[in-house]
């Protein structure tokens, strides 16, 4: 048991150090490019931190277990806005009125994308474009528009 705890602790420390290094180097890189650190967090850092979910989604899709992939998508998107509530409880004062425009923009983008996927689950269109359903194509377009809007807000 102590060996497993030691290995887990070392892995957690390595993850923490790597996360800090990625965040700091990415923010510095984006700043040198004249872009906001928020934009880095919403694109590159989000993609890197979602690699376990991507792996789970791809594997579950290959196995035909679509419920796992869908619950993974909804779980992440539904949980993040709840962090505003948690921050309010911890701080003892409402944090949403003091949130940056970029924070509310990203939260709204997550809510909109979740609604798009929910509509895809309800209506189940059969037509596909580039081997994706219309819901997935719509989500990609909305995401790209949302990131472009974030770049406008953040600069």
C-alpha atoms as a PDB file:
ATOM      1  CA  UNK A   1       0.000   0.000   0.000  1.00  0.00           C
ATOM      2  CA  UNK A   2       2.788   2.426   0.857  1.00  0.00           C
ATOM      3  CA  UNK A   3       4.511   1.699  -2.468  1.00  0.00           C
ATOM      4  CA  UNK A   4       1.308   2.493  -4.368  1.00  0.00           C
ATOM      5  CA  UNK A   5       0.864   5.705  -2.346  1.00  0.00           C
ATOM      6  CA  UNK A   6       4.464   6.708  -3.080  1.00  0.00           C
ATOM      7  CA  UNK A   7       4.041   6.087  -6.825  1.00  0.00           C
ATOM      8  CA  UNK A   8       0.729   7.965  -6.834  1.00  0.00           C
ATOM      9  CA  UNK A   9       2.287  10.898  -4.958  1.00  0.00           C
ATOM     10  CA  UNK A  10       5.235  11.048  -7.364  1.00  0.00           C
ATOM     11  CA  UNK A  11       2.900  10.927 -10.371  1.00  0.00           C
ATOM     12  CA  UNK A  12       0.696  13.653  -8.875  1.00  0.00           C
ATOM     13  CA  UNK A  13       3.743  15.857  -8.224  1.00  0.00           C
ATOM     14  CA  UNK A  14       5.022  15.289 -11.775  1.00  0.00           C
ATOM     15  CA  UNK A  15       1.582  16.198 -13.144  1.00  0.00           C
ATOM     16  CA  UNK A  16       1.496  19.358 -11.030  1.00  0.00           C
ATOM     17  CA  UNK A  17       4.958  20.463 -12.151  1.00  0.00           C
ATOM     18  CA  UNK A  18       4.222  19.692 -15.808  1.00  0.00           C
ATOM     19  CA  UNK A  19       0.930  21.599 -15.612  1.00  0.00           C
ATOM     20  CA  UNK A  20       2.604  24.688 -14.176  1.00  0.00           C
ATOM     21  CA  UNK A  21       5.381  24.539 -16.778  1.00  0.00           C
ATOM     22  CA  UNK A  22       2.886  24.161 -19.640  1.00  0.00           C
ATOM     23  CA  UNK A  23       0.732  27.023 -18.351  1.00  0.00           C
ATOM     24  CA  UNK A  24       3.638  29.419 -17.808  1.00  0.00           C
ATOM     25  CA  UNK A  25       5.449  28.627 -21.056  1.00  0.00           C
ATOM     26  CA  UNK A  26       2.229  28.747 -23.068  1.00  0.00           C
ATOM     27  CA  UNK A  27       1.193  32.075 -21.595  1.00  0.00           C
ATOM     28  CA  UNK A  28       4.651  33.507 -22.304  1.00  0.00           C
ATOM     29  CA  UNK A  29       4.565  32.189 -25.878  1.00  0.00           C
ATOM     30  CA  UNK A  30       1.102  33.635 -26.535  1.00  0.00           C
ATOM     31  CA  UNK A  31       2.079  36.950 -24.937  1.00  0.00           C
ATOM     32  CA  UNK A  32       5.093  37.194 -27.252  1.00  0.00           C
ATOM     33  CA  UNK A  33       2.749  36.549 -30.183  1.00  0.00           C
ATOM     34  CA  UNK A  34       0.549  39.411 -28.995  1.00  0.00           C
ATOM     35  CA  UNK A  35      -2.278  37.113 -27.917  1.00  0.00           C
ATOM     36  CA  UNK A  36      -4.008  36.722 -24.571  1.00  0.00           C
ATOM     37  CA  UNK A  37      -3.209  33.997 -22.065  1.00  0.00           C
ATOM     38  CA  UNK A  38      -6.949  33.354 -21.876  1.00  0.00           C
ATOM     39  CA  UNK A  39      -6.914  32.428 -25.552  1.00  0.00           C
ATOM     40  CA  UNK A  40      -4.090  29.959 -24.855  1.00  0.00           C
ATOM     41  CA  UNK A  41      -6.078  28.457 -21.985  1.00  0.00           C
ATOM     42  CA  UNK A  42      -9.248  28.130 -24.058  1.00  0.00           C
ATOM     43  CA  UNK A  43      -7.509  26.441 -26.977  1.00  0.00           C
ATOM     44  CA  UNK A  44      -4.151  24.745 -26.434  1.00  0.00           C
ATOM     45  CA  UNK A  45      -4.363  24.135 -22.694  1.00  0.00           C
ATOM     46  CA  UNK A  46      -7.985  22.961 -22.991  1.00  0.00           C
ATOM     47  CA  UNK A  47      -6.999  20.505 -25.712  1.00  0.00           C
ATOM     48  CA  UNK A  48      -4.090  19.164 -23.677  1.00  0.00           C
ATOM     49  CA  UNK A  49      -6.099  18.750 -20.482  1.00  0.00           C
ATOM     50  CA  UNK A  50      -8.932  17.033 -22.346  1.00  0.00           C
ATOM     51  CA  UNK A  51      -6.699  14.298 -23.777  1.00  0.00           C
ATOM     52  CA  UNK A  52      -8.002  11.708 -21.264  1.00  0.00           C
ATOM     53  CA  UNK A  53     -11.587  12.520 -22.283  1.00  0.00           C
ATOM     54  CA  UNK A  54     -10.666  12.326 -25.963  1.00  0.00           C
ATOM     55  CA  UNK A  55      -9.019   8.947 -25.400  1.00  0.00           C
ATOM     56  CA  UNK A  56     -12.046   7.706 -23.464  1.00  0.00           C
ATOM     57  CA  UNK A  57     -14.429   8.976 -26.136  1.00  0.00           C
ATOM     58  CA  UNK A  58     -12.522   7.390 -29.004  1.00  0.00           C
ATOM     59  CA  UNK A  59     -12.122   4.068 -27.212  1.00  0.00           C
ATOM     60  CA  UNK A  60     -15.760   3.922 -26.145  1.00  0.00           C
ATOM     61  CA  UNK A  61     -16.864   4.765 -29.676  1.00  0.00           C
ATOM     62  CA  UNK A  62     -14.709   1.967 -31.102  1.00  0.00           C
ATOM     63  CA  UNK A  63     -16.274  -0.416 -28.589  1.00  0.00           C
ATOM     64  CA  UNK A  64     -19.753   0.800 -29.503  1.00  0.00           C
ATOM     65  CA  UNK A  65     -20.376   2.195 -26.000  1.00  0.00           C
ATOM     66  CA  UNK A  66     -21.682   5.597 -27.022  1.00  0.00           C
ATOM     67  CA  UNK A  67     -23.200   6.304 -23.609  1.00  0.00           C
ATOM     68  CA  UNK A  68     -19.739   6.577 -22.077  1.00  0.00           C
ATOM     69  CA  UNK A  69     -18.609   9.064 -24.732  1.00  0.00           C
ATOM     70  CA  UNK A  70     -21.744  11.189 -24.406  1.00  0.00           C
ATOM     71  CA  UNK A  71     -21.673  11.189 -20.608  1.00  0.00           C
ATOM     72  CA  UNK A  72     -18.020  12.221 -20.719  1.00  0.00           C
ATOM     73  CA  UNK A  73     -18.869  15.220 -22.927  1.00  0.00           C
ATOM     74  CA  UNK A  74     -21.880  16.262 -20.855  1.00  0.00           C
ATOM     75  CA  UNK A  75     -20.127  15.693 -17.550  1.00  0.00           C
ATOM     76  CA  UNK A  76     -17.292  18.074 -18.358  1.00  0.00           C
ATOM     77  CA  UNK A  77     -19.462  20.753 -19.932  1.00  0.00           C
ATOM     78  CA  UNK A  78     -22.050  20.636 -17.156  1.00  0.00           C
ATOM     79  CA  UNK A  79     -19.503  20.679 -14.337  1.00  0.00           C
ATOM     80  CA  UNK A  80     -17.437  23.707 -15.325  1.00  0.00           C
ATOM     81  CA  UNK A  81     -20.189  26.342 -14.875  1.00  0.00           C
ATOM     82  CA  UNK A  82     -20.853  24.855 -11.432  1.00  0.00           C
ATOM     83  CA  UNK A  83     -17.396  26.085 -10.425  1.00  0.00           C
ATOM     84  CA  UNK A  84     -18.854  29.620 -10.322  1.00  0.00           C
ATOM     85  CA  UNK A  85     -21.224  28.392  -7.597  1.00  0.00           C
ATOM     86  CA  UNK A  86     -18.394  26.714  -5.718  1.00  0.00           C
ATOM     87  CA  UNK A  87     -16.305  29.891  -5.920  1.00  0.00           C
ATOM     88  CA  UNK A  88     -19.256  31.897  -4.580  1.00  0.00           C
ATOM     89  CA  UNK A  89     -19.676  29.517  -1.645  1.00  0.00           C
ATOM     90  CA  UNK A  90     -15.964  29.549  -0.818  1.00  0.00           C
ATOM     91  CA  UNK A  91     -15.525  33.315  -1.127  1.00  0.00           C
ATOM     92  CA  UNK A  92     -18.803  34.200   0.565  1.00  0.00           C
ATOM     93  CA  UNK A  93     -19.712  36.738  -2.107  1.00  0.00           C
ATOM     94  CA  UNK A  94     -21.055  36.425  -5.657  1.00  0.00           C
ATOM     95  CA  UNK A  95     -18.231  35.944  -8.152  1.00  0.00           C
ATOM     96  CA  UNK A  96     -20.240  36.041 -11.378  1.00  0.00           C
ATOM     97  CA  UNK A  97     -20.751  39.843 -11.340  1.00  0.00           C
ATOM     98  CA  UNK A  98     -16.995  40.249 -10.873  1.00  0.00           C
ATOM     99  CA  UNK A  99     -16.087  37.668 -13.538  1.00  0.00           C
ATOM    100  CA  UNK A 100     -14.168  38.803 -16.569  1.00  0.00           C
ATOM    101  CA  UNK A 101     -15.911  39.003 -19.930  1.00  0.00           C
ATOM    102  CA  UNK A 102     -13.760  36.106 -21.089  1.00  0.00           C
ATOM    103  CA  UNK A 103     -14.970  33.896 -18.224  1.00  0.00           C
ATOM    104  CA  UNK A 104     -18.629  34.499 -18.951  1.00  0.00           C
ATOM    105  CA  UNK A 105     -18.006  34.115 -22.699  1.00  0.00           C
ATOM    106  CA  UNK A 106     -16.391  30.695 -22.215  1.00  0.00           C
ATOM    107  CA  UNK A 107     -19.131  29.602 -19.828  1.00  0.00           C
ATOM    108  CA  UNK A 108     -21.809  30.631 -22.312  1.00  0.00           C
ATOM    109  CA  UNK A 109     -19.933  28.841 -25.094  1.00  0.00           C
ATOM    110  CA  UNK A 110     -19.874  25.649 -23.022  1.00  0.00           C
ATOM    111  CA  UNK A 111     -23.606  25.925 -22.341  1.00  0.00           C
ATOM    112  CA  UNK A 112     -24.397  26.528 -26.024  1.00  0.00           C
ATOM    113  CA  UNK A 113     -22.282  23.557 -27.136  1.00  0.00           C
ATOM    114  CA  UNK A 114     -23.996  21.342 -24.575  1.00  0.00           C
ATOM    115  CA  UNK A 115     -27.395  22.411 -25.914  1.00  0.00           C
ATOM    116  CA  UNK A 116     -26.284  21.602 -29.475  1.00  0.00           C
ATOM    117  CA  UNK A 117     -25.276  18.092 -28.454  1.00  0.00           C
ATOM    118  CA  UNK A 118     -28.484  17.628 -26.468  1.00  0.00           C
ATOM    119  CA  UNK A 119     -30.488  18.587 -29.564  1.00  0.00           C
ATOM    120  CA  UNK A 120     -28.481  16.042 -31.541  1.00  0.00           C
ATOM    121  CA  UNK A 121     -29.403  13.363 -29.028  1.00  0.00           C
ATOM    122  CA  UNK A 122     -33.097  14.257 -29.150  1.00  0.00           C
ATOM    123  CA  UNK A 123     -33.519  14.601 -32.910  1.00  0.00           C
ATOM    124  CA  UNK A 124     -30.902  12.067 -34.111  1.00  0.00           C
ATOM    125  CA  UNK A 125     -30.503  13.252 -37.708  1.00  0.00           C
ATOM    126  CA  UNK A 126     -29.242  10.557 -40.072  1.00  0.00           C
ATOM    127  CA  UNK A 127     -27.558  12.847 -42.585  1.00  0.00           C
ATOM    128  CA  UNK A 128     -23.772  13.123 -42.261  1.00  0.00           C
ATOM    129  CA  UNK A 129     -21.150  15.577 -43.445  1.00  0.00           C
ATOM    130  CA  UNK A 130     -17.492  14.505 -43.417  1.00  0.00           C
ATOM    131  CA  UNK A 131     -18.581  11.376 -41.450  1.00  0.00           C
ATOM    132  CA  UNK A 132     -20.071  13.591 -38.719  1.00  0.00           C
ATOM    133  CA  UNK A 133     -23.651  14.306 -37.810  1.00  0.00           C
ATOM    134  CA  UNK A 134     -25.062  17.787 -38.249  1.00  0.00           C
ATOM    135  CA  UNK A 135     -24.813  18.320 -34.472  1.00  0.00           C
ATOM    136  CA  UNK A 136     -21.064  17.731 -34.524  1.00  0.00           C
ATOM    137  CA  UNK A 137     -20.567  19.981 -37.537  1.00  0.00           C
ATOM    138  CA  UNK A 138     -22.664  22.669 -35.857  1.00  0.00           C
ATOM    139  CA  UNK A 139     -20.656  22.292 -32.634  1.00  0.00           C
ATOM    140  CA  UNK A 140     -17.371  22.734 -34.500  1.00  0.00           C
ATOM    141  CA  UNK A 141     -18.639  25.859 -36.280  1.00  0.00           C
ATOM    142  CA  UNK A 142     -19.997  27.336 -33.030  1.00  0.00           C
ATOM    143  CA  UNK A 143     -16.723  26.518 -31.247  1.00  0.00           C
ATOM    144  CA  UNK A 144     -14.659  28.257 -33.939  1.00  0.00           C
ATOM    145  CA  UNK A 145     -16.949  31.296 -33.874  1.00  0.00           C
ATOM    146  CA  UNK A 146     -16.774  31.286 -30.074  1.00  0.00           C
ATOM    147  CA  UNK A 147     -12.975  31.190 -30.057  1.00  0.00           C
ATOM    148  CA  UNK A 148     -12.867  33.998 -32.626  1.00  0.00           C
ATOM    149  CA  UNK A 149     -15.183  35.994 -30.341  1.00  0.00           C
ATOM    150  CA  UNK A 150     -12.936  35.194 -27.392  1.00  0.00           C
ATOM    151  CA  UNK A 151      -9.915  36.455 -29.306  1.00  0.00           C
ATOM    152  CA  UNK A 152     -11.804  39.692 -29.960  1.00  0.00           C
ATOM    153  CA  UNK A 153     -12.829  40.082 -26.330  1.00  0.00           C
ATOM    154  CA  UNK A 154      -9.403  39.141 -24.915  1.00  0.00           C
ATOM    155  CA  UNK A 155      -7.435  41.651 -26.970  1.00  0.00           C
END
